[in-house]
Amino acid sequence: MKKLIEKINLVLFGVLVPAVILRLFNLGYSDYQGDEIKALYLPEDGQNFFSYLMDQRKGPVQFIVTYLLKFLNPDYTNQLVIRLPFALAGILSVFFLYKLVQIHFRKRAALISALLLGSNGFFVAFSRIVQYQSFVILFMILALYMLSLAVKRPDYKHKGVILAFIFWALGILSHYDAVFIFPFVVYLMSVWLKRNFKKDPAALRTIITSIAVFGVLLLAFYIPFVLSISESTLSYWSGRISGDVSAKISSSKYLFSVYQPIYVVHFYVLASLLGLAFLYYKAYGVKLPTKIKLKSAASYIALFIWFFIPFAFMEWLVYIPGTHIYVYILPIIIIISIGLDGLLDFFSEKLPATIFAWAYQVILFLIFTFIFAQSYAVFVDNTKEYPWEEEKFFAWTFPEPTPIYHLSLFGFPYYRDWEGISAFIKQYPEIAAYSTNERKSIVRYYVPLEKDTNKAGFYIHIRNPQTFTETASGEKSEYWMEKYDPIFTLTKANQDYVRMYIMEPGTLKEINERGY
């Protein structure tokens, strides 16, 4: 028993160490980026906590987390502390996915699933930012894991169901994306009901309690949320579905390639097809079935539907799914693990005592090592700040993304010392306006001034900005940069990443008339 425990712990250690490295190393390096700022609890003067939650476009969990973190770091200046709970949620997701897949699809498939989740660029990025995704993923997995325990273990028969519905509610309170696990929930609940509803007098009470708790948790927030929903939120949702909010091309394949730029998308596509083939094979065998047998194939069918519904929704109904495609990448990771595990069985059983099984395991090890190394270079190493600049990776180069695509970028290393810029600006209270070539959603958090080139004031020029627009923000700014020296700079590797100027207010013509 002791040896078995040590072996299990060794496997988990091997799975979790890469996940921990990719999520915790250099976690506090980057400035807050885009939607991270939107996840901080930043109420307006006189606004209470509940009113603030109602004004947001998303569930309250991420704001509750940042509200509690405000007691530790009131001004949110410690990025490591603020990101840490989200990173830990990402690490726990890897652990519990291993446990979940082990229950349903064997230990080797569980190992492969956990390694894929731990190294996948999307899930690494989610764990390195202050945003809801890592908690949605954790609560979805926990809900399915608790229901699985309720089905498999007598000691979890009742509490497992209740805990599952609590975790599912918390997932939906993190973001609506959590609803997409419902096919696998339906499958697990049908198995549980078949085994317990008629035989166990407490089963009905468990169902009523679970649904009641689930409903109370959700309705307590979503009823007032729907009643107070703003036109801007409705317009935002409508724009994401129709594409009206962006003139750029939306491509999930391209976006996936930005987060995993070298060959990983090819591996996922091929391995997904292999996994779907083995999903069918494990459910029905080689021959076409004369009739569909739901009982023996139920778990595989449920897994496929769990993948297919969010895939169809995101790729066929929503014009800009963005990084929300993680809702179908999660089940496809499990499907891939079944395919890779099944292929190893094929080599071991059909071609025993050959080099194929051994070579296949070596190839898998090299693939996982390559994906881990790539994710480390993309998200942890900050000597080069991909995707805003090209980065060498062994014999390859990570290419800069093409701005014609709709890019949802976060979790990448990006430091421009905005806190230093903010501190410098506070030394000039008489200046009321600024201009910059950087994205406004980032700057307005650090620079609480009016953005107006003619009134500025400050001009903040960023090298490799998140807008991917390297040129100055206007003729006046370009003129001033050519004629005058910056008064504040951030220099890394002998290059200025920030140059800050104080311009004379007025249009270019007006300041020229005044002798500038």
Protein backbone atom coordinates (compact mmCIF):
# COMPACT_ATOMS: atom_id res chain seq x y z
CA MET A 1 0.00 0.00 0.00
CA LYS A 2 2.81 2.37 0.89
CA LYS A 3 4.50 1.72 -2.46
CA LEU A 4 1.20 2.31 -4.28
CA ILE A 5 0.69 5.63 -2.48
CA GLU A 6 4.25 6.67 -3.29
CA LYS A 7 3.71 5.74 -6.95
CA ILE A 8 0.47 7.74 -7.13
CA ASN A 9 2.12 10.71 -5.45
CA LEU A 10 5.03 10.49 -7.88
CA VAL A 11 2.63 10.58 -10.84
CA LEU A 12 0.78 13.59 -9.42
CA PHE A 13 4.09 15.27 -8.67
CA GLY A 14 5.17 14.77 -12.28
CA VAL A 15 1.87 16.23 -13.51
CA LEU A 16 1.70 19.20 -11.16
CA VAL A 17 5.30 20.43 -11.26
CA PRO A 18 5.10 21.62 -14.90
CA ALA A 19 1.71 23.21 -14.17
CA VAL A 20 3.11 25.04 -11.12
CA ILE A 21 6.16 26.29 -13.03
CA LEU A 22 4.05 27.65 -15.90
CA ARG A 23 1.60 29.36 -13.54
CA LEU A 24 3.73 30.74 -10.72
CA PHE A 25 7.15 31.60 -12.15
CA ASN A 26 7.48 35.35 -12.93
CA LEU A 27 3.77 35.76 -12.11
CA GLY A 28 4.18 39.31 -10.83
CA TYR A 29 6.29 40.58 -13.76
CA SER A 30 3.63 42.06 -16.03
CA ASP A 31 1.63 45.25 -15.68
CA TYR A 32 -2.13 44.75 -15.46
CA GLN A 33 -3.47 44.21 -18.96
CA GLY A 34 -6.85 45.09 -20.40
CA ASP A 35 -9.53 42.92 -18.84
CA GLU A 36 -7.43 42.38 -15.71
CA ILE A 37 -8.16 45.97 -14.73
CA LYS A 38 -11.87 45.36 -15.35
CA ALA A 39 -11.76 42.50 -12.81
CA LEU A 40 -10.43 44.70 -9.98
CA TYR A 41 -12.92 46.03 -7.45
CA LEU A 42 -12.89 49.73 -8.34
CA PRO A 43 -16.23 51.25 -7.28
CA GLU A 44 -17.17 54.83 -8.00
CA ASP A 45 -17.45 57.27 -5.12
CA GLY A 46 -20.38 56.29 -2.91
CA GLN A 47 -21.10 53.08 -4.81
CA ASN A 48 -21.75 50.05 -2.57
CA PHE A 49 -20.52 46.52 -3.22
CA PHE A 50 -23.85 45.09 -4.43
CA SER A 51 -24.49 48.01 -6.77
CA TYR A 52 -21.01 47.55 -8.21
CA LEU A 53 -21.66 43.86 -8.93
CA MET A 54 -24.89 44.71 -10.74
CA ASP A 55 -23.02 47.10 -13.06
CA GLN A 56 -20.64 44.42 -14.35
CA ARG A 57 -21.15 42.27 -17.45
CA LYS A 58 -20.09 39.06 -15.71
CA GLY A 59 -20.76 36.97 -12.63
CA PRO A 60 -19.57 38.23 -9.24
CA VAL A 61 -16.90 35.66 -8.26
CA GLN A 62 -13.87 37.46 -9.71
CA PHE A 63 -15.00 40.73 -8.09
CA ILE A 64 -15.54 39.03 -4.73
CA VAL A 65 -11.99 37.65 -4.94
CA THR A 66 -10.46 41.04 -5.79
CA TYR A 67 -12.64 42.73 -3.15
CA LEU A 68 -11.19 40.39 -0.49
CA LEU A 69 -7.66 40.90 -1.85
CA LYS A 70 -8.14 44.65 -1.41
CA PHE A 71 -7.77 44.09 2.35
CA LEU A 72 -4.27 42.67 1.72
CA ASN A 73 -3.22 45.12 -0.98
CA PRO A 74 -5.60 48.14 -1.00
CA ASP A 75 -4.13 49.82 -4.08
CA TYR A 76 -3.57 46.59 -6.07
CA THR A 77 0.10 47.46 -6.62
CA ASN A 78 1.32 43.91 -5.93
CA GLN A 79 0.45 42.01 -9.09
CA LEU A 80 1.82 38.75 -7.66
CA VAL A 81 -0.51 38.81 -4.65
CA ILE A 82 -3.56 39.77 -6.72
CA ARG A 83 -2.93 37.10 -9.37
CA LEU A 84 -2.01 34.33 -6.93
CA PRO A 85 -5.56 33.04 -6.16
CA PHE A 86 -6.27 32.75 -9.90
CA ALA A 87 -3.00 30.88 -10.45
CA LEU A 88 -3.77 28.50 -7.58
CA ALA A 89 -7.22 27.85 -9.08
CA GLY A 90 -5.47 26.92 -12.33
CA ILE A 91 -3.14 24.50 -10.55
CA LEU A 92 -6.04 22.88 -8.68
CA SER A 93 -7.87 22.48 -12.00
CA VAL A 94 -5.02 20.31 -13.28
CA PHE A 95 -5.11 18.16 -10.13
CA PHE A 96 -8.88 17.63 -10.17
CA LEU A 97 -9.02 16.99 -13.92
CA TYR A 98 -6.56 14.16 -13.29
CA LYS A 99 -8.87 12.79 -10.58
CA LEU A 100 -11.98 13.20 -12.74
CA VAL A 101 -10.59 11.49 -15.84
CA GLN A 102 -9.08 8.71 -13.72
CA ILE A 103 -12.55 7.79 -12.45
CA HIS A 104 -14.08 7.52 -15.93
CA PHE A 105 -11.35 6.82 -18.47
CA ARG A 106 -8.38 5.19 -16.67
CA LYS A 107 -5.23 6.49 -15.04
CA ARG A 108 -3.11 6.83 -18.19
CA ALA A 109 -5.74 8.97 -19.89
CA ALA A 110 -5.93 11.01 -16.68
CA LEU A 111 -2.18 11.60 -16.80
CA ILE A 112 -2.33 12.74 -20.43
CA SER A 113 -5.31 15.02 -19.74
CA ALA A 114 -3.58 16.69 -16.81
CA LEU A 115 -0.37 17.19 -18.79
CA LEU A 116 -2.32 18.77 -21.66
CA LEU A 117 -4.33 21.05 -19.38
CA GLY A 118 -1.22 21.98 -17.44
CA SER A 119 0.71 23.06 -20.54
CA ASN A 120 -2.03 24.37 -22.87
CA GLY A 121 -1.40 28.03 -23.69
CA PHE A 122 -4.98 29.17 -23.08
CA PHE A 123 -5.18 27.61 -19.64
CA VAL A 124 -1.70 28.83 -18.68
CA ALA A 125 -2.66 32.37 -19.72
CA PHE A 126 -5.92 32.20 -17.75
CA SER A 127 -3.98 31.25 -14.64
CA ARG A 128 -1.60 34.19 -15.01
CA ILE A 129 -4.22 36.95 -15.02
CA VAL A 130 -6.80 38.45 -12.70
CA GLN A 131 -9.94 37.18 -14.41
CA TYR A 132 -12.76 34.70 -14.02
CA GLN A 133 -11.68 31.87 -16.35
CA SER A 134 -9.47 29.92 -13.93
CA PHE A 135 -12.31 29.79 -11.37
CA VAL A 136 -14.90 28.80 -14.00
CA ILE A 137 -12.67 25.93 -15.09
CA LEU A 138 -11.97 24.83 -11.51
CA PHE A 139 -15.63 24.88 -10.48
CA MET A 140 -16.74 23.04 -13.64
CA ILE A 141 -14.23 20.27 -13.01
CA LEU A 142 -15.05 20.13 -9.29
CA ALA A 143 -18.78 19.85 -10.05
CA LEU A 144 -18.20 16.88 -12.36
CA TYR A 145 -15.70 15.30 -9.96
CA MET A 146 -18.10 15.51 -7.00
CA LEU A 147 -20.92 14.01 -9.07
CA SER A 148 -18.56 11.24 -10.16
CA LEU A 149 -17.72 10.51 -6.51
CA ALA A 150 -21.44 10.46 -5.74
CA VAL A 151 -21.86 7.77 -8.39
CA LYS A 152 -18.77 5.73 -7.47
CA ARG A 153 -18.39 6.01 -3.69
CA PRO A 154 -21.05 5.32 -1.01
CA ASP A 155 -19.58 7.91 1.36
CA TYR A 156 -20.19 10.62 -1.27
CA LYS A 157 -23.59 9.35 -2.43
CA HIS A 158 -25.48 12.32 -0.98
CA LYS A 159 -22.93 14.99 -0.11
CA GLY A 160 -21.28 14.55 -3.52
CA VAL A 161 -24.48 15.60 -5.31
CA ILE A 162 -25.02 18.61 -3.06
CA LEU A 163 -21.40 19.73 -3.37
CA ALA A 164 -21.54 19.23 -7.15
CA PHE A 165 -24.50 21.59 -7.51
CA ILE A 166 -22.85 24.14 -5.22
CA PHE A 167 -19.68 24.08 -7.33
CA TRP A 168 -21.69 24.26 -10.54
CA ALA A 169 -23.55 27.30 -9.22
CA LEU A 170 -20.23 28.92 -8.27
CA GLY A 171 -18.98 28.21 -11.79
CA ILE A 172 -22.01 29.92 -13.36
CA LEU A 173 -21.60 32.78 -10.87
CA SER A 174 -18.05 33.11 -12.20
CA HIS A 175 -19.28 33.17 -15.81
CA TYR A 176 -22.15 31.76 -17.86
CA ASP A 177 -19.63 29.55 -19.68
CA ALA A 178 -20.00 27.01 -16.85
CA VAL A 179 -23.45 25.94 -18.13
CA PHE A 180 -21.77 23.97 -20.94
CA ILE A 181 -20.90 21.02 -18.69
CA PHE A 182 -24.61 20.14 -18.53
CA PRO A 183 -24.38 17.11 -20.92
CA PHE A 184 -21.98 15.33 -18.58
CA VAL A 185 -24.00 16.47 -15.55
CA VAL A 186 -27.12 14.93 -17.11
CA TYR A 187 -25.26 11.68 -17.76
CA LEU A 188 -23.90 11.43 -14.19
CA MET A 189 -27.22 12.39 -12.61
CA SER A 190 -29.07 9.79 -14.70
CA VAL A 191 -26.65 7.09 -13.46
CA TRP A 192 -27.02 8.32 -9.86
CA LEU A 193 -30.84 8.42 -10.05
CA LYS A 194 -31.04 4.95 -11.58
CA ARG A 195 -28.97 3.52 -8.74
CA ASN A 196 -30.49 5.41 -5.84
CA PHE A 197 -33.88 6.98 -6.48
CA LYS A 198 -36.04 3.93 -5.79
CA LYS A 199 -33.74 2.18 -3.32
CA ASP A 200 -32.63 5.08 -1.09
CA PRO A 201 -35.30 7.05 0.82
CA ALA A 202 -32.86 9.97 1.21
CA ALA A 203 -32.32 10.33 -2.54
CA LEU A 204 -35.35 12.60 -3.10
CA ARG A 205 -34.28 14.85 -0.23
CA THR A 206 -30.79 15.10 -1.73
CA ILE A 207 -32.19 16.10 -5.11
CA ILE A 208 -34.49 18.73 -3.61
CA THR A 209 -31.70 20.13 -1.42
CA SER A 210 -29.23 20.26 -4.32
CA ILE A 211 -31.64 21.99 -6.71
CA ALA A 212 -32.76 24.41 -3.97
CA VAL A 213 -29.20 25.42 -3.09
CA PHE A 214 -28.30 25.67 -6.80
CA GLY A 215 -31.34 27.84 -7.49
CA VAL A 216 -30.91 30.12 -4.47
CA LEU A 217 -27.25 30.79 -5.26
CA LEU A 218 -27.95 31.63 -8.88
CA LEU A 219 -31.21 33.50 -8.53
CA ALA A 220 -29.95 35.64 -5.65
CA PHE A 221 -27.58 37.25 -8.10
CA TYR A 222 -29.07 36.80 -11.56
CA ILE A 223 -32.62 38.01 -10.84
CA PRO A 224 -31.47 41.52 -9.79
CA PHE A 225 -28.75 41.37 -12.44
CA VAL A 226 -31.27 40.77 -15.25
CA LEU A 227 -33.64 43.40 -13.85
CA SER A 228 -30.88 46.00 -13.79
CA ILE A 229 -29.02 45.00 -16.97
CA SER A 230 -27.79 47.98 -18.96
CA GLU A 231 -28.17 48.77 -22.64
CA SER A 232 -24.39 48.82 -23.01
CA THR A 233 -24.15 45.23 -21.72
CA LEU A 234 -26.89 44.06 -24.09
CA SER A 235 -25.17 45.89 -26.93
CA TYR A 236 -21.84 44.24 -26.04
CA TRP A 237 -23.37 40.74 -26.04
CA SER A 238 -25.18 41.42 -29.30
CA GLY A 239 -21.98 42.70 -30.87
CA ARG A 240 -20.00 39.61 -29.88
CA ILE A 241 -22.63 37.38 -31.50
CA SER A 242 -23.06 39.47 -34.66
CA GLY A 243 -19.51 40.76 -34.99
CA ASP A 244 -20.63 44.40 -35.09
CA VAL A 245 -18.17 45.39 -32.33
CA SER A 246 -15.16 44.60 -34.52
CA ALA A 247 -14.25 45.00 -38.17
CA LYS A 248 -11.49 42.41 -37.78
CA ILE A 249 -11.47 38.76 -38.79
CA SER A 250 -12.44 36.27 -36.10
CA SER A 251 -10.56 32.96 -36.28
CA SER A 252 -10.37 30.53 -33.37
CA LYS A 253 -7.66 28.53 -35.13
CA TYR A 254 -5.52 31.63 -35.57
CA LEU A 255 -6.10 32.76 -31.99
CA PHE A 256 -5.14 29.32 -30.68
CA SER A 257 -1.94 29.56 -32.74
CA VAL A 258 -1.07 32.89 -31.13
CA TYR A 259 -1.15 31.26 -27.69
CA GLN A 260 0.66 28.13 -28.95
CA PRO A 261 2.52 29.32 -32.07
CA ILE A 262 4.63 26.34 -33.17
CA TYR A 263 2.87 23.15 -34.38
CA VAL A 264 0.61 22.75 -31.33
CA VAL A 265 -2.58 23.50 -33.26
CA HIS A 266 -1.62 20.77 -35.74
CA PHE A 267 -1.08 18.32 -32.90
CA TYR A 268 -4.44 19.20 -31.33
CA VAL A 269 -6.34 18.81 -34.62
CA LEU A 270 -4.78 15.43 -35.45
CA ALA A 271 -5.00 14.16 -31.86
CA SER A 272 -8.64 15.33 -31.66
CA LEU A 273 -9.53 13.28 -34.75
CA LEU A 274 -7.72 10.31 -33.22
CA GLY A 275 -9.58 10.83 -29.95
CA LEU A 276 -12.97 11.03 -31.66
CA ALA A 277 -12.18 7.81 -33.54
CA PHE A 278 -11.28 6.01 -30.31
CA LEU A 279 -14.34 7.50 -28.60
CA TYR A 280 -16.47 5.72 -31.18
CA TYR A 281 -14.32 2.57 -31.05
CA LYS A 282 -14.56 2.27 -27.26
CA ALA A 283 -18.31 2.83 -27.41
CA TYR A 284 -19.22 0.51 -30.31
CA GLY A 285 -16.13 -1.33 -31.54
CA VAL A 286 -14.88 -1.58 -35.13
CA LYS A 287 -18.12 -2.53 -36.86
CA LEU A 288 -21.08 -0.21 -37.29
CA PRO A 289 -23.65 -1.08 -34.62
CA THR A 290 -26.98 -2.52 -35.74
CA LYS A 291 -28.57 -0.43 -33.00
CA ILE A 292 -27.23 2.27 -30.72
CA LYS A 293 -26.47 0.90 -27.27
CA LEU A 294 -26.71 3.81 -24.88
CA LYS A 295 -25.87 1.93 -21.69
CA SER A 296 -22.39 0.76 -22.64
CA ALA A 297 -21.56 3.92 -24.56
CA ALA A 298 -23.19 6.55 -22.32
CA SER A 299 -20.02 8.11 -20.87
CA TYR A 300 -18.44 8.44 -24.33
CA ILE A 301 -21.61 9.91 -25.84
CA ALA A 302 -21.90 12.37 -22.95
CA LEU A 303 -18.28 13.42 -23.39
CA PHE A 304 -18.80 13.96 -27.11
CA ILE A 305 -21.95 16.04 -26.53
CA TRP A 306 -20.11 18.05 -23.89
CA PHE A 307 -17.58 18.94 -26.60
CA PHE A 308 -20.01 19.34 -29.50
CA ILE A 309 -22.60 21.73 -28.01
CA PRO A 310 -20.15 24.49 -26.96
CA PHE A 311 -18.19 23.94 -30.17
CA ALA A 312 -21.31 24.45 -32.28
CA PHE A 313 -22.40 27.43 -30.18
CA MET A 314 -19.04 29.22 -30.26
CA GLU A 315 -18.09 28.46 -33.87
CA TRP A 316 -21.47 28.63 -35.61
CA LEU A 317 -23.59 31.05 -33.60
CA VAL A 318 -21.06 33.51 -32.13
CA TYR A 319 -19.03 35.62 -34.53
CA ILE A 320 -16.34 36.52 -31.98
CA PRO A 321 -15.94 33.63 -29.52
CA GLY A 322 -12.44 34.81 -28.58
CA THR A 323 -10.83 32.86 -25.77
CA HIS A 324 -14.23 31.48 -24.71
CA ILE A 325 -13.37 28.53 -26.93
CA TYR A 326 -11.83 27.04 -23.78
CA VAL A 327 -15.31 25.65 -23.05
CA TYR A 328 -14.85 23.07 -25.80
CA ILE A 329 -11.07 22.79 -25.55
CA LEU A 330 -11.51 21.34 -22.03
CA PRO A 331 -13.56 18.30 -23.16
CA ILE A 332 -11.45 17.93 -26.31
CA ILE A 333 -8.40 17.56 -24.05
CA ILE A 334 -10.11 14.55 -22.45
CA ILE A 335 -11.04 13.19 -25.87
CA ILE A 336 -7.43 13.57 -27.02
CA SER A 337 -6.22 11.72 -23.93
CA ILE A 338 -8.57 8.81 -24.71
CA GLY A 339 -7.21 8.64 -28.26
CA LEU A 340 -3.54 8.78 -27.23
CA ASP A 341 -4.16 6.21 -24.48
CA GLY A 342 -6.08 3.98 -26.90
CA LEU A 343 -3.32 4.09 -29.48
CA LEU A 344 -0.81 2.97 -26.86
CA ASP A 345 -3.12 0.04 -26.05
CA PHE A 346 -3.26 -0.79 -29.74
CA PHE A 347 0.52 -0.91 -30.06
CA SER A 348 0.89 -2.89 -26.82
CA GLU A 349 -1.85 -5.44 -27.58
CA LYS A 350 -1.82 -5.77 -31.36
CA LEU A 351 1.93 -5.40 -31.84
CA PRO A 352 3.44 -6.92 -28.69
CA ALA A 353 7.19 -7.22 -28.24
CA THR A 354 7.84 -4.60 -30.92
CA ILE A 355 9.55 -1.27 -30.87
CA PHE A 356 6.32 0.60 -31.71
CA ALA A 357 4.91 0.80 -28.19
CA TRP A 358 8.24 1.98 -26.78
CA ALA A 359 8.80 4.48 -29.59
CA TYR A 360 5.25 5.82 -29.20
CA GLN A 361 5.81 6.58 -25.51
CA VAL A 362 9.07 8.34 -26.32
CA ILE A 363 7.30 10.42 -28.99
CA LEU A 364 4.55 11.38 -26.53
CA PHE A 365 7.16 12.41 -23.97
CA LEU A 366 8.92 14.58 -26.55
CA ILE A 367 5.63 16.18 -27.63
CA PHE A 368 4.66 17.08 -24.06
CA THR A 369 8.17 18.38 -23.38
CA PHE A 370 8.00 20.50 -26.54
CA ILE A 371 4.61 21.97 -25.57
CA PHE A 372 5.81 22.69 -22.02
CA ALA A 373 9.01 24.35 -23.28
CA GLN A 374 7.00 26.41 -25.75
CA SER A 375 4.55 27.59 -23.08
CA TYR A 376 7.47 28.45 -20.81
CA ALA A 377 9.08 30.55 -23.55
CA VAL A 378 5.77 32.27 -24.36
CA PHE A 379 4.41 33.01 -20.89
CA VAL A 380 7.21 32.73 -18.31
CA ASP A 381 10.39 33.89 -20.02
CA ASN A 382 10.33 37.68 -20.37
CA THR A 383 13.64 38.44 -22.07
CA LYS A 384 11.52 38.86 -25.19
CA GLU A 385 7.90 39.91 -24.87
CA TYR A 386 6.07 37.78 -27.42
CA PRO A 387 3.59 38.39 -29.06
CA TRP A 388 4.53 42.07 -29.28
CA GLU A 389 7.98 41.19 -30.58
CA GLU A 390 9.48 38.17 -32.29
CA GLU A 391 11.06 35.57 -30.02
CA LYS A 392 13.49 32.80 -30.93
CA PHE A 393 12.53 29.32 -29.81
CA PHE A 394 15.20 26.73 -30.62
CA ALA A 395 15.20 26.53 -34.44
CA TRP A 396 11.95 28.50 -34.77
CA THR A 397 10.74 32.06 -34.32
CA PHE A 398 7.45 32.99 -32.72
CA PRO A 399 5.87 35.34 -35.29
CA GLU A 400 4.18 38.60 -34.36
CA PRO A 401 0.38 38.27 -34.78
CA THR A 402 -1.37 39.84 -37.73
CA PRO A 403 -3.57 42.74 -36.47
CA ILE A 404 -6.25 42.09 -39.10
CA TYR A 405 -7.47 39.27 -36.82
CA HIS A 406 -9.54 39.82 -33.70
CA LEU A 407 -6.95 39.16 -30.98
CA SER A 408 -7.84 38.55 -27.35
CA LEU A 409 -4.42 38.80 -25.72
CA PHE A 410 -3.63 38.41 -22.04
CA GLY A 411 -1.34 36.48 -19.74
CA PHE A 412 1.72 37.26 -21.88
CA PRO A 413 4.75 38.99 -20.32
CA TYR A 414 4.35 42.74 -20.71
CA TYR A 415 6.02 45.40 -18.57
CA ARG A 416 6.01 49.15 -19.26
CA ASP A 417 6.25 50.41 -15.66
CA TRP A 418 2.84 52.05 -15.71
CA GLU A 419 3.05 52.53 -11.95
CA GLY A 420 6.25 54.53 -12.46
CA ILE A 421 4.58 56.50 -15.23
CA SER A 422 1.63 57.20 -12.93
CA ALA A 423 3.91 58.36 -10.11
CA PHE A 424 5.75 60.68 -12.51
CA ILE A 425 2.50 62.20 -13.79
CA LYS A 426 1.37 63.00 -10.24
CA GLN A 427 4.34 65.36 -9.97
CA TYR A 428 2.59 67.64 -12.50
CA PRO A 429 -0.94 68.26 -11.13
CA GLU A 430 -1.34 71.29 -13.40
CA ILE A 431 -1.38 69.08 -16.53
CA ALA A 432 -4.91 67.79 -17.26
CA ALA A 433 -4.62 65.79 -20.52
CA TYR A 434 -2.52 63.14 -22.22
CA SER A 435 -2.11 61.24 -25.45
CA THR A 436 -0.58 57.85 -26.18
CA ASN A 437 -0.28 55.11 -28.78
CA GLU A 438 -1.24 52.52 -26.13
CA ARG A 439 -4.66 51.00 -25.58
CA LYS A 440 -6.96 53.28 -23.60
CA SER A 441 -8.33 50.48 -21.38
CA ILE A 442 -4.86 50.08 -19.85
CA VAL A 443 -3.83 53.73 -19.65
CA ARG A 444 -6.98 55.11 -18.03
CA TYR A 445 -6.36 53.01 -14.90
CA TYR A 446 -2.89 54.49 -14.39
CA VAL A 447 -3.43 57.95 -15.90
CA PRO A 448 -6.69 59.51 -14.60
CA LEU A 449 -6.58 62.40 -17.06
CA GLU A 450 -8.50 63.36 -20.18
CA LYS A 451 -7.23 61.78 -23.38
CA ASP A 452 -6.93 64.58 -25.91
CA THR A 453 -3.89 65.17 -28.14
CA ASN A 454 -4.62 68.87 -28.60
CA LYS A 455 -5.01 69.51 -24.87
CA ALA A 456 -1.99 67.37 -23.94
CA GLY A 457 0.14 67.76 -22.01
CA PHE A 458 1.73 64.40 -21.61
CA TYR A 459 2.53 62.21 -24.58
CA ILE A 460 3.36 58.61 -23.63
CA HIS A 461 4.93 56.65 -26.45
CA ILE A 462 5.13 52.87 -25.98
CA ARG A 463 7.41 50.58 -27.93
CA ASN A 464 5.56 47.40 -28.94
CA PRO A 465 2.20 48.60 -27.59
CA GLN A 466 -0.75 46.28 -27.17
CA THR A 467 -2.47 48.19 -29.97
CA PHE A 468 0.32 46.94 -32.30
CA THR A 469 0.47 50.56 -33.57
CA GLU A 470 4.07 51.68 -33.29
CA THR A 471 3.58 55.11 -34.86
CA ALA A 472 2.78 58.24 -32.89
CA SER A 473 -0.85 58.97 -32.07
CA GLY A 474 -1.01 62.08 -34.27
CA GLU A 475 0.92 64.72 -36.22
CA LYS A 476 1.46 66.87 -33.13
CA SER A 477 2.87 63.96 -31.11
CA GLU A 478 5.10 62.86 -34.00
CA TYR A 479 6.40 66.41 -34.43
CA TRP A 480 7.17 66.78 -30.72
CA MET A 481 8.99 63.43 -30.58
CA GLU A 482 11.23 64.47 -33.48
CA LYS A 483 12.10 67.87 -32.02
CA TYR A 484 12.28 67.33 -28.24
CA ASP A 485 13.86 64.83 -25.87
CA PRO A 486 11.78 62.61 -23.56
CA ILE A 487 11.60 63.55 -19.87
CA PHE A 488 10.90 59.98 -18.70
CA THR A 489 12.11 56.70 -20.17
CA LEU A 490 12.03 52.99 -19.45
CA THR A 491 15.04 51.27 -21.00
CA LYS A 492 15.51 47.51 -21.32
CA ALA A 493 18.23 45.73 -23.31
CA ASN A 494 19.51 49.11 -24.59
CA GLN A 495 16.12 50.00 -26.05
CA ASP A 496 13.60 52.55 -24.83
CA TYR A 497 10.27 50.83 -24.24
CA VAL A 498 8.67 54.00 -22.85
CA ARG A 499 9.36 57.58 -23.88
CA MET A 500 7.35 60.26 -22.18
CA TYR A 501 7.14 63.92 -23.23
CA ILE A 502 5.48 67.08 -21.96
CA MET A 503 4.00 68.93 -24.94
CA GLU A 504 2.54 72.39 -25.16
CA PRO A 505 -1.28 72.39 -25.24
CA GLY A 506 -2.86 73.27 -28.57
CA THR A 507 -2.99 71.97 -32.11
CA LEU A 508 0.20 71.49 -34.12
CA LYS A 509 -0.50 74.75 -35.97
CA GLU A 510 -1.08 76.65 -32.73
CA ILE A 511 2.12 75.47 -31.04
CA ASN A 512 4.09 76.22 -34.24
CA GLU A 513 2.74 79.77 -34.15
CA ARG A 514 3.98 80.04 -30.57
CA GLY A 515 7.49 79.08 -31.66
CA TYR A 516 7.56 75.38 -30.83
